[in-house]
Amino acid sequence: MKKTPTHRQRRIVLTGGPGGGKTTAADLFRREKGDRVALMPEAATMIFTSGFPRVSEPAAIHAAQRAIYHVQRNLEDVQTAVYPDRILLCDRGTVDGAAYWPDEPRGFFRALRTSLKTELTRYDAVLFFESAAIGGMGIQGGNPVRNETLEQAVKLDGKLRALWSHHPRFILVPHNPSFFQKISFALGVLDSLVTEFDTSSATSGRPRTAQRRK
């Protein structure tokens, strides 16, 4: 029987506009620190690559984002149950759907009977990967369901940042013409966060007060 942890599991969400590098950073960090973290894959990619239609009608987008939200929450719960003593790295979080909602973001939270504040409290830190589209660079990559233009990617980046920046531990990973330098910076931040959370959990079992960073 799995031992019940004596501390609350920490969660770090990696998010940002399309083509930001978050998935690459998460996978590299998992490979390096696999015994300390558990990686939760992107719920939207799982859904759309499994046959769920991705279409542009508003009612269909509403349905898709509701489905992604519930899959996201349940995937987080599964990973928490399987790896209760590891820090959970989430490739996107429950707030992201509000940026993809066809109407105002508050409509997303009303539809899911929740609030931005409630969803933000699910996570202990937010690493926001600014889209390469901000610098006019291409966002094509290994994600088969990505279909945004550069203009759409920039707009999504702004909407996502406006939502997630309300988190008290929001950390920006800015666009950099050097993808290597950008990912190196992000990995350094992740390593510092994981070390901090490991230390605070071992010494007190209670969350440590963190300073806001941007």
N, C-alpha and C. Protein backbone atom coordinates (compact mmCIF):
# COMPACT_ATOMS: atom_id res chain seq x y z
N MET A 1 0.85 -1.20 0.00
CA MET A 1 0.00 0.00 0.00
C MET A 1 0.88 1.24 0.00
N LYS A 2 0.51 2.23 -0.82
CA LYS A 2 1.32 3.45 -0.93
C LYS A 2 1.18 4.27 0.33
N LYS A 3 2.29 4.74 0.86
CA LYS A 3 2.29 5.53 2.07
C LYS A 3 1.70 6.91 1.82
N THR A 4 0.85 7.37 2.75
CA THR A 4 0.26 8.70 2.62
C THR A 4 1.31 9.75 2.92
N PRO A 5 1.49 10.74 2.02
CA PRO A 5 2.51 11.75 2.25
C PRO A 5 2.17 12.64 3.44
N THR A 6 3.18 13.16 4.11
CA THR A 6 2.97 14.02 5.27
C THR A 6 2.90 15.48 4.89
N HIS A 7 2.99 15.81 3.61
CA HIS A 7 2.94 17.19 3.16
C HIS A 7 2.09 17.29 1.91
N ARG A 8 1.61 18.51 1.65
CA ARG A 8 0.80 18.73 0.45
C ARG A 8 1.69 18.69 -0.78
N GLN A 9 1.20 18.00 -1.81
CA GLN A 9 2.00 17.93 -3.04
C GLN A 9 2.10 19.30 -3.69
N ARG A 10 3.29 19.64 -4.15
CA ARG A 10 3.50 20.90 -4.86
C ARG A 10 3.24 20.72 -6.34
N ARG A 11 2.71 21.77 -6.96
CA ARG A 11 2.43 21.74 -8.39
C ARG A 11 3.00 22.97 -9.07
N ILE A 12 3.72 22.75 -10.14
CA ILE A 12 4.27 23.82 -10.96
C ILE A 12 3.66 23.70 -12.34
N VAL A 13 3.06 24.78 -12.82
CA VAL A 13 2.45 24.75 -14.15
C VAL A 13 3.37 25.45 -15.14
N LEU A 14 3.56 24.82 -16.29
CA LEU A 14 4.32 25.41 -17.40
C LEU A 14 3.33 25.77 -18.48
N THR A 15 3.26 27.04 -18.81
CA THR A 15 2.26 27.49 -19.76
C THR A 15 2.84 28.60 -20.63
N GLY A 16 2.00 29.19 -21.47
CA GLY A 16 2.45 30.26 -22.36
C GLY A 16 1.84 30.11 -23.74
N GLY A 17 2.15 31.04 -24.60
CA GLY A 17 1.64 31.00 -25.95
C GLY A 17 2.20 29.84 -26.76
N PRO A 18 1.57 29.52 -27.89
CA PRO A 18 2.05 28.42 -28.74
C PRO A 18 3.50 28.63 -29.17
N GLY A 19 4.28 27.56 -29.17
CA GLY A 19 5.66 27.64 -29.62
C GLY A 19 6.59 28.31 -28.63
N GLY A 20 6.29 28.16 -27.33
CA GLY A 20 7.12 28.79 -26.32
C GLY A 20 8.26 27.92 -25.81
N GLY A 21 8.15 26.61 -26.00
CA GLY A 21 9.20 25.70 -25.55
C GLY A 21 8.91 25.00 -24.24
N LYS A 22 7.71 25.17 -23.70
CA LYS A 22 7.39 24.60 -22.40
C LYS A 22 7.45 23.08 -22.40
N THR A 23 6.95 22.43 -23.45
CA THR A 23 6.94 20.97 -23.50
C THR A 23 8.36 20.42 -23.58
N THR A 24 9.21 21.10 -24.36
CA THR A 24 10.61 20.69 -24.44
C THR A 24 11.29 20.80 -23.09
N ALA A 25 11.06 21.93 -22.40
CA ALA A 25 11.67 22.14 -21.09
C ALA A 25 11.19 21.11 -20.09
N ALA A 26 9.89 20.82 -20.10
CA ALA A 26 9.34 19.85 -19.15
C ALA A 26 9.93 18.47 -19.37
N ASP A 27 10.05 18.07 -20.63
CA ASP A 27 10.59 16.73 -20.92
C ASP A 27 12.07 16.63 -20.54
N LEU A 28 12.85 17.66 -20.83
CA LEU A 28 14.27 17.66 -20.46
C LEU A 28 14.44 17.61 -18.95
N PHE A 29 13.62 18.37 -18.24
CA PHE A 29 13.73 18.40 -16.78
C PHE A 29 13.34 17.05 -16.18
N ARG A 30 12.30 16.44 -16.74
CA ARG A 30 11.88 15.12 -16.27
C ARG A 30 13.00 14.10 -16.46
N ARG A 31 13.67 14.15 -17.59
CA ARG A 31 14.76 13.21 -17.85
C ARG A 31 15.90 13.37 -16.84
N GLU A 32 16.12 14.63 -16.40
CA GLU A 32 17.22 14.90 -15.48
C GLU A 32 16.84 14.66 -14.02
N LYS A 33 15.57 14.99 -13.68
CA LYS A 33 15.13 14.94 -12.27
C LYS A 33 13.94 14.01 -12.09
N GLY A 34 13.93 12.90 -12.80
CA GLY A 34 12.77 12.02 -12.80
C GLY A 34 12.38 11.45 -11.47
N ASP A 35 13.33 11.36 -10.53
CA ASP A 35 13.00 10.80 -9.22
C ASP A 35 12.41 11.85 -8.28
N ARG A 36 12.39 13.11 -8.73
CA ARG A 36 11.87 14.19 -7.87
C ARG A 36 10.60 14.82 -8.41
N VAL A 37 10.31 14.61 -9.69
CA VAL A 37 9.13 15.22 -10.29
C VAL A 37 8.31 14.19 -11.07
N ALA A 38 7.05 14.50 -11.25
CA ALA A 38 6.17 13.72 -12.12
C ALA A 38 5.62 14.68 -13.17
N LEU A 39 5.66 14.28 -14.42
CA LEU A 39 5.23 15.15 -15.52
C LEU A 39 3.83 14.80 -15.97
N MET A 40 2.95 15.81 -16.00
CA MET A 40 1.61 15.63 -16.50
C MET A 40 1.53 16.20 -17.91
N PRO A 41 1.28 15.37 -18.91
CA PRO A 41 1.26 15.85 -20.29
C PRO A 41 0.10 16.79 -20.57
N GLU A 42 0.19 17.50 -21.67
CA GLU A 42 -0.83 18.48 -22.03
C GLU A 42 -2.15 17.78 -22.36
N ALA A 43 -3.19 18.13 -21.63
CA ALA A 43 -4.49 17.49 -21.80
C ALA A 43 -5.07 17.75 -23.19
N ALA A 44 -4.92 18.98 -23.70
CA ALA A 44 -5.50 19.31 -25.01
C ALA A 44 -4.90 18.46 -26.11
N THR A 45 -3.59 18.26 -26.09
CA THR A 45 -2.94 17.43 -27.10
C THR A 45 -3.42 16.00 -27.01
N MET A 46 -3.56 15.48 -25.80
CA MET A 46 -4.06 14.11 -25.62
C MET A 46 -5.45 13.96 -26.22
N ILE A 47 -6.30 14.94 -25.98
CA ILE A 47 -7.69 14.87 -26.45
C ILE A 47 -7.76 14.97 -27.97
N PHE A 48 -7.08 15.96 -28.54
CA PHE A 48 -7.19 16.19 -29.99
C PHE A 48 -6.47 15.11 -30.81
N THR A 49 -5.44 14.50 -30.28
CA THR A 49 -4.76 13.43 -31.02
C THR A 49 -5.46 12.08 -30.85
N SER A 50 -6.48 12.06 -29.99
CA SER A 50 -7.23 10.82 -29.77
C SER A 50 -8.54 10.78 -30.55
N GLY A 51 -8.74 11.76 -31.44
CA GLY A 51 -9.93 11.74 -32.28
C GLY A 51 -10.97 12.79 -31.96
N PHE A 52 -10.78 13.55 -30.87
CA PHE A 52 -11.74 14.60 -30.54
C PHE A 52 -11.63 15.69 -31.60
N PRO A 53 -12.74 16.06 -32.26
CA PRO A 53 -12.65 17.02 -33.37
C PRO A 53 -12.25 18.41 -32.90
N ARG A 54 -11.40 19.05 -33.69
CA ARG A 54 -10.99 20.42 -33.41
C ARG A 54 -11.54 21.30 -34.53
N VAL A 55 -12.63 21.97 -34.24
CA VAL A 55 -13.31 22.79 -35.24
C VAL A 55 -13.49 24.19 -34.69
N SER A 56 -13.95 25.12 -35.57
CA SER A 56 -13.95 26.54 -35.22
C SER A 56 -15.29 27.08 -34.76
N GLU A 57 -16.36 26.30 -34.80
CA GLU A 57 -17.66 26.80 -34.36
C GLU A 57 -17.62 27.08 -32.85
N PRO A 58 -18.11 28.23 -32.41
CA PRO A 58 -18.04 28.58 -30.98
C PRO A 58 -18.60 27.51 -30.05
N ALA A 59 -19.76 26.94 -30.41
CA ALA A 59 -20.35 25.93 -29.53
C ALA A 59 -19.44 24.71 -29.40
N ALA A 60 -18.77 24.36 -30.49
CA ALA A 60 -17.85 23.23 -30.47
C ALA A 60 -16.61 23.54 -29.62
N ILE A 61 -16.13 24.77 -29.72
CA ILE A 61 -14.98 25.18 -28.91
C ILE A 61 -15.35 25.15 -27.43
N HIS A 62 -16.56 25.60 -27.10
CA HIS A 62 -17.03 25.53 -25.71
C HIS A 62 -16.98 24.09 -25.21
N ALA A 63 -17.49 23.17 -26.01
CA ALA A 63 -17.51 21.76 -25.61
C ALA A 63 -16.11 21.20 -25.44
N ALA A 64 -15.22 21.55 -26.37
CA ALA A 64 -13.85 21.05 -26.30
C ALA A 64 -13.13 21.58 -25.06
N GLN A 65 -13.29 22.85 -24.75
CA GLN A 65 -12.61 23.42 -23.59
C GLN A 65 -13.17 22.90 -22.28
N ARG A 66 -14.45 22.61 -22.24
CA ARG A 66 -15.01 21.97 -21.05
C ARG A 66 -14.40 20.59 -20.85
N ALA A 67 -14.27 19.84 -21.95
CA ALA A 67 -13.68 18.51 -21.87
C ALA A 67 -12.22 18.57 -21.42
N ILE A 68 -11.46 19.50 -21.98
CA ILE A 68 -10.05 19.65 -21.61
C ILE A 68 -9.91 19.99 -20.14
N TYR A 69 -10.76 20.88 -19.65
CA TYR A 69 -10.71 21.27 -18.23
C TYR A 69 -10.88 20.06 -17.32
N HIS A 70 -11.89 19.26 -17.59
CA HIS A 70 -12.16 18.11 -16.72
C HIS A 70 -11.07 17.04 -16.85
N VAL A 71 -10.56 16.83 -18.05
CA VAL A 71 -9.44 15.89 -18.22
C VAL A 71 -8.21 16.40 -17.46
N GLN A 72 -7.94 17.69 -17.57
CA GLN A 72 -6.80 18.29 -16.87
C GLN A 72 -6.88 18.03 -15.36
N ARG A 73 -8.02 18.33 -14.77
CA ARG A 73 -8.17 18.16 -13.33
C ARG A 73 -8.01 16.69 -12.92
N ASN A 74 -8.61 15.81 -13.68
CA ASN A 74 -8.54 14.40 -13.32
C ASN A 74 -7.15 13.81 -13.55
N LEU A 75 -6.46 14.29 -14.59
CA LEU A 75 -5.08 13.85 -14.81
C LEU A 75 -4.18 14.28 -13.65
N GLU A 76 -4.38 15.50 -13.18
CA GLU A 76 -3.62 15.96 -12.03
C GLU A 76 -3.89 15.09 -10.81
N ASP A 77 -5.16 14.70 -10.61
CA ASP A 77 -5.51 13.84 -9.48
C ASP A 77 -4.88 12.46 -9.62
N VAL A 78 -4.85 11.93 -10.84
CA VAL A 78 -4.23 10.62 -11.07
C VAL A 78 -2.75 10.68 -10.73
N GLN A 79 -2.06 11.70 -11.24
CA GLN A 79 -0.63 11.82 -10.98
C GLN A 79 -0.33 12.03 -9.49
N THR A 80 -1.21 12.76 -8.82
CA THR A 80 -1.05 12.97 -7.39
C THR A 80 -1.18 11.65 -6.63
N ALA A 81 -2.12 10.81 -7.06
CA ALA A 81 -2.31 9.52 -6.40
C ALA A 81 -1.15 8.57 -6.66
N VAL A 82 -0.62 8.60 -7.87
CA VAL A 82 0.47 7.69 -8.23
C VAL A 82 1.81 8.15 -7.69
N TYR A 83 2.03 9.48 -7.68
CA TYR A 83 3.32 10.03 -7.24
C TYR A 83 3.09 11.09 -6.15
N PRO A 84 2.58 10.70 -4.99
CA PRO A 84 2.23 11.69 -3.96
C PRO A 84 3.43 12.42 -3.38
N ASP A 85 4.62 11.84 -3.47
CA ASP A 85 5.80 12.45 -2.87
C ASP A 85 6.68 13.17 -3.89
N ARG A 86 6.19 13.32 -5.11
CA ARG A 86 6.95 14.05 -6.13
C ARG A 86 6.27 15.37 -6.44
N ILE A 87 7.05 16.32 -6.90
CA ILE A 87 6.51 17.60 -7.35
C ILE A 87 5.90 17.38 -8.74
N LEU A 88 4.69 17.88 -8.93
CA LEU A 88 3.99 17.68 -10.20
C LEU A 88 4.26 18.83 -11.16
N LEU A 89 4.80 18.50 -12.33
CA LEU A 89 5.00 19.48 -13.40
C LEU A 89 3.84 19.34 -14.38
N CYS A 90 3.06 20.38 -14.52
CA CYS A 90 1.87 20.35 -15.37
C CYS A 90 2.13 21.09 -16.67
N ASP A 91 2.03 20.38 -17.79
CA ASP A 91 2.13 21.00 -19.10
C ASP A 91 0.79 21.67 -19.38
N ARG A 92 0.69 22.93 -19.07
CA ARG A 92 -0.52 23.74 -19.03
C ARG A 92 -1.35 23.40 -17.78
N GLY A 93 -2.30 24.30 -17.48
CA GLY A 93 -3.13 24.13 -16.30
C GLY A 93 -4.58 24.44 -16.58
N THR A 94 -5.40 24.41 -15.55
CA THR A 94 -6.84 24.56 -15.73
C THR A 94 -7.25 25.96 -16.15
N VAL A 95 -6.38 26.94 -15.99
CA VAL A 95 -6.72 28.32 -16.37
C VAL A 95 -6.63 28.52 -17.88
N ASP A 96 -5.83 27.73 -18.57
CA ASP A 96 -5.56 27.96 -19.99
C ASP A 96 -6.82 28.01 -20.86
N GLY A 97 -7.81 27.22 -20.52
CA GLY A 97 -9.02 27.17 -21.33
C GLY A 97 -9.71 28.51 -21.46
N ALA A 98 -9.54 29.39 -20.47
CA ALA A 98 -10.20 30.69 -20.52
C ALA A 98 -9.66 31.54 -21.67
N ALA A 99 -8.40 31.34 -22.04
CA ALA A 99 -7.81 32.10 -23.15
C ALA A 99 -8.31 31.60 -24.50
N TYR A 100 -8.71 30.35 -24.56
CA TYR A 100 -9.20 29.75 -25.81
C TYR A 100 -10.72 29.86 -25.93
N TRP A 101 -11.38 30.30 -24.88
CA TRP A 101 -12.84 30.45 -24.87
C TRP A 101 -13.24 31.51 -25.87
N PRO A 102 -14.23 31.25 -26.73
CA PRO A 102 -14.60 32.22 -27.77
C PRO A 102 -15.10 33.56 -27.23
N ASP A 103 -15.68 33.53 -26.04
CA ASP A 103 -16.22 34.75 -25.44
C ASP A 103 -15.21 35.31 -24.43
N GLU A 104 -15.68 36.15 -23.54
CA GLU A 104 -14.81 36.69 -22.49
C GLU A 104 -14.35 35.57 -21.56
N PRO A 105 -13.13 35.66 -21.04
CA PRO A 105 -12.63 34.61 -20.14
C PRO A 105 -13.54 34.31 -18.96
N ARG A 106 -14.23 35.32 -18.44
CA ARG A 106 -15.09 35.06 -17.29
C ARG A 106 -16.22 34.09 -17.64
N GLY A 107 -16.57 34.02 -18.93
CA GLY A 107 -17.59 33.05 -19.35
C GLY A 107 -17.12 31.63 -19.17
N PHE A 108 -15.82 31.40 -19.35
CA PHE A 108 -15.24 30.07 -19.14
C PHE A 108 -15.41 29.65 -17.69
N PHE A 109 -15.08 30.54 -16.77
CA PHE A 109 -15.16 30.19 -15.36
C PHE A 109 -16.61 30.01 -14.90
N ARG A 110 -17.52 30.81 -15.46
CA ARG A 110 -18.93 30.61 -15.14
C ARG A 110 -19.42 29.26 -15.63
N ALA A 111 -19.02 28.90 -16.84
CA ALA A 111 -19.47 27.63 -17.42
C ALA A 111 -18.96 26.44 -16.63
N LEU A 112 -17.78 26.55 -16.04
CA LEU A 112 -17.19 25.45 -15.27
C LEU A 112 -17.47 25.58 -13.78
N ARG A 113 -18.26 26.58 -13.41
CA ARG A 113 -18.65 26.81 -12.00
C ARG A 113 -17.43 26.91 -11.09
N THR A 114 -16.53 27.77 -11.52
CA THR A 114 -15.32 28.00 -10.74
C THR A 114 -14.92 29.46 -10.92
N SER A 115 -13.70 29.81 -10.55
CA SER A 115 -13.22 31.19 -10.69
C SER A 115 -11.73 31.17 -10.97
N LEU A 116 -11.24 32.28 -11.48
CA LEU A 116 -9.80 32.39 -11.74
C LEU A 116 -9.02 32.20 -10.44
N LYS A 117 -9.47 32.82 -9.37
CA LYS A 117 -8.79 32.72 -8.09
C LYS A 117 -8.72 31.28 -7.61
N THR A 118 -9.83 30.56 -7.73
CA THR A 118 -9.86 29.16 -7.30
C THR A 118 -8.88 28.31 -8.09
N GLU A 119 -8.85 28.50 -9.40
CA GLU A 119 -7.97 27.68 -10.23
C GLU A 119 -6.49 28.02 -10.01
N LEU A 120 -6.18 29.28 -9.78
CA LEU A 120 -4.80 29.67 -9.53
C LEU A 120 -4.25 29.02 -8.26
N THR A 121 -5.11 28.82 -7.27
CA THR A 121 -4.66 28.23 -6.01
C THR A 121 -4.29 26.76 -6.15
N ARG A 122 -4.59 26.14 -7.28
CA ARG A 122 -4.20 24.74 -7.50
C ARG A 122 -2.70 24.60 -7.69
N TYR A 123 -2.02 25.70 -8.00
CA TYR A 123 -0.61 25.64 -8.37
C TYR A 123 0.25 26.51 -7.45
N ASP A 124 1.47 26.04 -7.20
CA ASP A 124 2.38 26.76 -6.32
C ASP A 124 3.29 27.72 -7.07
N ALA A 125 3.44 27.53 -8.35
CA ALA A 125 4.26 28.43 -9.16
C ALA A 125 3.85 28.29 -10.63
N VAL A 126 4.06 29.37 -11.38
CA VAL A 126 3.72 29.40 -12.81
C VAL A 126 4.95 29.85 -13.59
N LEU A 127 5.41 29.02 -14.51
CA LEU A 127 6.46 29.41 -15.45
C LEU A 127 5.79 29.70 -16.78
N PHE A 128 5.87 30.94 -17.19
CA PHE A 128 5.19 31.36 -18.41
C PHE A 128 6.21 31.50 -19.53
N PHE A 129 6.11 30.63 -20.54
CA PHE A 129 7.03 30.62 -21.68
C PHE A 129 6.46 31.51 -22.78
N GLU A 130 7.06 32.65 -22.97
CA GLU A 130 6.59 33.58 -24.00
C GLU A 130 6.77 32.95 -25.38
N SER A 131 5.76 33.08 -26.22
CA SER A 131 5.78 32.47 -27.54
C SER A 131 6.88 33.05 -28.42
N ALA A 132 7.47 32.17 -29.24
CA ALA A 132 8.46 32.63 -30.21
C ALA A 132 7.84 33.57 -31.22
N ALA A 133 6.51 33.52 -31.36
CA ALA A 133 5.82 34.42 -32.28
C ALA A 133 5.97 35.88 -31.87
N ILE A 134 6.22 36.13 -30.58
CA ILE A 134 6.43 37.50 -30.10
C ILE A 134 7.63 38.13 -30.81
N GLY A 135 8.62 37.31 -31.11
CA GLY A 135 9.80 37.78 -31.82
C GLY A 135 9.73 37.58 -33.32
N GLY A 136 8.53 37.23 -33.82
CA GLY A 136 8.37 37.03 -35.25
C GLY A 136 8.94 35.73 -35.76
N MET A 137 9.25 34.81 -34.87
CA MET A 137 9.83 33.52 -35.27
C MET A 137 8.73 32.48 -35.44
N GLY A 138 9.01 31.44 -36.22
CA GLY A 138 8.04 30.39 -36.46
C GLY A 138 7.75 29.58 -35.21
N ILE A 139 6.56 29.02 -35.15
CA ILE A 139 6.15 28.23 -33.99
C ILE A 139 5.90 26.78 -34.37
N GLN A 140 6.29 26.39 -35.57
CA GLN A 140 6.11 25.00 -35.98
C GLN A 140 7.03 24.13 -35.14
N GLY A 141 6.53 22.96 -34.79
CA GLY A 141 7.32 22.05 -33.97
C GLY A 141 6.77 20.65 -34.06
N GLY A 142 6.93 19.91 -32.99
CA GLY A 142 6.52 18.51 -33.00
C GLY A 142 5.08 18.26 -32.59
N ASN A 143 4.33 19.34 -32.27
CA ASN A 143 2.94 19.15 -31.85
C ASN A 143 2.04 19.06 -33.07
N PRO A 144 1.42 17.89 -33.33
CA PRO A 144 0.63 17.71 -34.55
C PRO A 144 -0.70 18.45 -34.56
N VAL A 145 -1.16 18.95 -33.39
CA VAL A 145 -2.47 19.61 -33.35
C VAL A 145 -2.34 21.13 -33.34
N ARG A 146 -1.13 21.65 -33.42
CA ARG A 146 -0.97 23.10 -33.42
C ARG A 146 -1.37 23.65 -34.79
N ASN A 147 -2.26 24.63 -34.78
CA ASN A 147 -2.73 25.18 -36.05
C ASN A 147 -2.82 26.70 -36.04
N GLU A 148 -2.23 27.35 -35.04
CA GLU A 148 -2.32 28.80 -34.94
C GLU A 148 -1.36 29.50 -35.91
N THR A 149 -1.79 30.62 -36.44
CA THR A 149 -0.91 31.49 -37.20
C THR A 149 -0.05 32.29 -36.21
N LEU A 150 0.96 33.00 -36.72
CA LEU A 150 1.78 33.84 -35.84
C LEU A 150 0.93 34.90 -35.14
N GLU A 151 0.03 35.50 -35.88
CA GLU A 151 -0.84 36.53 -35.30
C GLU A 151 -1.71 35.95 -34.19
N GLN A 152 -2.28 34.77 -34.43
CA GLN A 152 -3.11 34.13 -33.41
C GLN A 152 -2.28 33.73 -32.19
N ALA A 153 -1.04 33.29 -32.43
CA ALA A 153 -0.17 32.89 -31.33
C ALA A 153 0.15 34.08 -30.43
N VAL A 154 0.41 35.24 -31.04
CA VAL A 154 0.71 36.45 -30.27
C VAL A 154 -0.50 36.84 -29.42
N LYS A 155 -1.68 36.77 -30.02
CA LYS A 155 -2.90 37.12 -29.29
C LYS A 155 -3.14 36.16 -28.12
N LEU A 156 -2.96 34.87 -28.36
CA LEU A 156 -3.14 33.89 -27.30
C LEU A 156 -2.13 34.10 -26.19
N ASP A 157 -0.89 34.41 -26.57
CA ASP A 157 0.15 34.66 -25.59
C ASP A 157 -0.28 35.78 -24.64
N GLY A 158 -0.82 36.85 -25.20
CA GLY A 158 -1.25 37.98 -24.38
C GLY A 158 -2.41 37.63 -23.46
N LYS A 159 -3.37 36.88 -23.97
CA LYS A 159 -4.52 36.50 -23.16
C LYS A 159 -4.12 35.56 -22.03
N LEU A 160 -3.25 34.62 -22.34
CA LEU A 160 -2.78 33.69 -21.31
C LEU A 160 -1.98 34.41 -20.23
N ARG A 161 -1.12 35.31 -20.66
CA ARG A 161 -0.30 36.05 -19.69
C ARG A 161 -1.17 36.92 -18.79
N ALA A 162 -2.20 37.54 -19.35
CA ALA A 162 -3.10 38.38 -18.55
C ALA A 162 -3.77 37.57 -17.45
N LEU A 163 -4.09 36.32 -17.74
CA LEU A 163 -4.75 35.46 -16.76
C LEU A 163 -3.76 34.94 -15.71
N TRP A 164 -2.68 34.32 -16.18
CA TRP A 164 -1.75 33.66 -15.26
C TRP A 164 -0.93 34.65 -14.43
N SER A 165 -0.77 35.88 -14.89
CA SER A 165 0.06 36.85 -14.17
C SER A 165 -0.55 37.26 -12.83
N HIS A 166 -1.78 36.86 -12.58
CA HIS A 166 -2.41 37.12 -11.28
C HIS A 166 -1.89 36.16 -10.21
N HIS A 167 -1.18 35.12 -10.62
CA HIS A 167 -0.64 34.19 -9.63
C HIS A 167 0.48 34.87 -8.84
N PRO A 168 0.53 34.67 -7.52
CA PRO A 168 1.57 35.33 -6.71
C PRO A 168 2.99 34.86 -7.01
N ARG A 169 3.12 33.72 -7.66
CA ARG A 169 4.47 33.22 -8.03
C ARG A 169 4.52 33.02 -9.54
N PHE A 170 4.34 34.12 -10.27
CA PHE A 170 4.38 34.12 -11.73
C PHE A 170 5.80 34.44 -12.18
N ILE A 171 6.39 33.57 -12.99
CA ILE A 171 7.76 33.76 -13.45
C ILE A 171 7.77 33.73 -14.98
N LEU A 172 8.24 34.80 -15.58
CA LEU A 172 8.27 34.90 -17.03
C LEU A 172 9.56 34.32 -17.59
N VAL A 173 9.40 33.45 -18.59
CA VAL A 173 10.53 32.96 -19.38
C VAL A 173 10.41 33.68 -20.72
N PRO A 174 11.13 34.79 -20.89
CA PRO A 174 10.92 35.64 -22.06
C PRO A 174 11.43 35.02 -23.35
N HIS A 175 10.88 35.51 -24.45
CA HIS A 175 11.36 35.08 -25.75
C HIS A 175 12.84 35.41 -25.89
N ASN A 176 13.56 34.50 -26.52
CA ASN A 176 14.98 34.71 -26.77
C ASN A 176 15.28 34.15 -28.17
N PRO A 177 15.97 34.90 -29.01
CA PRO A 177 16.31 34.37 -30.34
C PRO A 177 17.07 33.05 -30.26
N SER A 178 17.77 32.84 -29.13
CA SER A 178 18.47 31.58 -28.91
C SER A 178 17.57 30.65 -28.10
N PHE A 179 17.04 29.63 -28.75
CA PHE A 179 16.19 28.67 -28.05
C PHE A 179 16.97 27.97 -26.94
N PHE A 180 18.25 27.70 -27.19
CA PHE A 180 19.09 27.06 -26.19
C PHE A 180 19.18 27.91 -24.92
N GLN A 181 19.40 29.20 -25.08
CA GLN A 181 19.50 30.09 -23.92
C GLN A 181 18.17 30.19 -23.19
N LYS A 182 17.08 30.22 -23.93
CA LYS A 182 15.77 30.31 -23.31
C LYS A 182 15.49 29.06 -22.47
N ILE A 183 15.73 27.88 -23.04
CA ILE A 183 15.47 26.65 -22.32
C ILE A 183 16.42 26.50 -21.14
N SER A 184 17.66 26.92 -21.29
CA SER A 184 18.63 26.85 -20.19
C SER A 184 18.16 27.71 -19.01
N PHE A 185 17.66 28.90 -19.33
CA PHE A 185 17.13 29.78 -18.28
C PHE A 185 15.96 29.10 -17.57
N ALA A 186 15.03 28.55 -18.34
CA ALA A 186 13.85 27.89 -17.76
C ALA A 186 14.24 26.70 -16.89
N LEU A 187 15.20 25.91 -17.34
CA LEU A 187 15.63 24.75 -16.56
C LEU A 187 16.27 25.19 -15.25
N GLY A 188 17.01 26.29 -15.28
CA GLY A 188 17.60 26.81 -14.06
C GLY A 188 16.55 27.25 -13.05
N VAL A 189 15.50 27.91 -13.55
CA VAL A 189 14.40 28.35 -12.68
C VAL A 189 13.68 27.13 -12.09
N LEU A 190 13.41 26.15 -12.94
CA LEU A 190 12.75 24.93 -12.47
C LEU A 190 13.57 24.24 -11.39
N ASP A 191 14.85 24.14 -11.61
CA ASP A 191 15.72 23.47 -10.64
C ASP A 191 15.68 24.21 -9.30
N SER A 192 15.69 25.54 -9.33
CA SER A 192 15.63 26.32 -8.10
C SER A 192 14.31 26.12 -7.38
N LEU A 193 13.21 26.09 -8.12
CA LEU A 193 11.89 25.89 -7.51
C LEU A 193 11.78 24.51 -6.87
N VAL A 194 12.21 23.49 -7.59
CA VAL A 194 12.12 22.13 -7.06
C VAL A 194 12.98 21.98 -5.80
N THR A 195 14.17 22.57 -5.81
CA THR A 195 15.02 22.52 -4.63
C THR A 195 14.37 23.23 -3.45
N GLU A 196 13.77 24.40 -3.72
CA GLU A 196 13.08 25.15 -2.68
C GLU A 196 11.92 24.37 -2.10
N PHE A 197 11.10 23.80 -2.97
CA PHE A 197 9.93 23.07 -2.50
C PHE A 197 10.32 21.80 -1.75
N ASP A 198 11.36 21.12 -2.24
CA ASP A 198 11.86 19.94 -1.54
C ASP A 198 12.32 20.30 -0.13
N THR A 199 13.04 21.41 -0.03
CA THR A 199 13.59 21.83 1.26
C THR A 199 12.50 22.24 2.23
N SER A 200 11.54 23.04 1.76
CA SER A 200 10.47 23.51 2.64
C SER A 200 9.57 22.37 3.09
N SER A 201 9.34 21.40 2.20
CA SER A 201 8.51 20.25 2.56
C SER A 201 9.20 19.38 3.60
N ALA A 202 10.52 19.24 3.45
CA ALA A 202 11.27 18.40 4.38
C ALA A 202 11.37 19.02 5.76
N THR A 203 11.41 20.36 5.82
CA THR A 203 11.62 21.02 7.10
C THR A 203 10.34 21.36 7.84
N SER A 204 9.27 21.66 7.10
CA SER A 204 8.06 22.10 7.79
C SER A 204 6.78 21.46 7.30
N GLY A 205 6.77 20.99 6.05
CA GLY A 205 5.53 20.44 5.49
C GLY A 205 4.54 21.50 5.11
N ARG A 206 4.94 22.78 5.23
CA ARG A 206 4.03 23.88 4.90
C ARG A 206 4.61 24.71 3.77
N PRO A 207 3.73 25.31 2.93
CA PRO A 207 4.23 26.14 1.83
C PRO A 207 5.05 27.31 2.34
N ARG A 208 6.09 27.65 1.60
CA ARG A 208 6.94 28.79 1.94
C ARG A 208 6.42 30.02 1.22
N THR A 209 6.42 31.14 1.94
CA THR A 209 5.99 32.38 1.32
C THR A 209 6.97 32.76 0.22
N ALA A 210 6.44 33.04 -0.96
CA ALA A 210 7.30 33.32 -2.11
C ALA A 210 7.10 34.74 -2.58
N GLN A 211 8.15 35.32 -3.10
CA GLN A 211 8.08 36.64 -3.66
C GLN A 211 7.64 36.58 -5.12
N ARG A 212 6.88 37.55 -5.54
CA ARG A 212 6.43 37.62 -6.92
C ARG A 212 7.61 37.96 -7.82
N ARG A 213 7.75 37.21 -8.92
CA ARG A 213 8.81 37.50 -9.88
C ARG A 213 8.21 37.64 -11.26
N LYS A 214 8.76 38.57 -12.02
CA LYS A 214 8.33 38.75 -13.41
C LYS A 214 9.55 39.00 -14.25
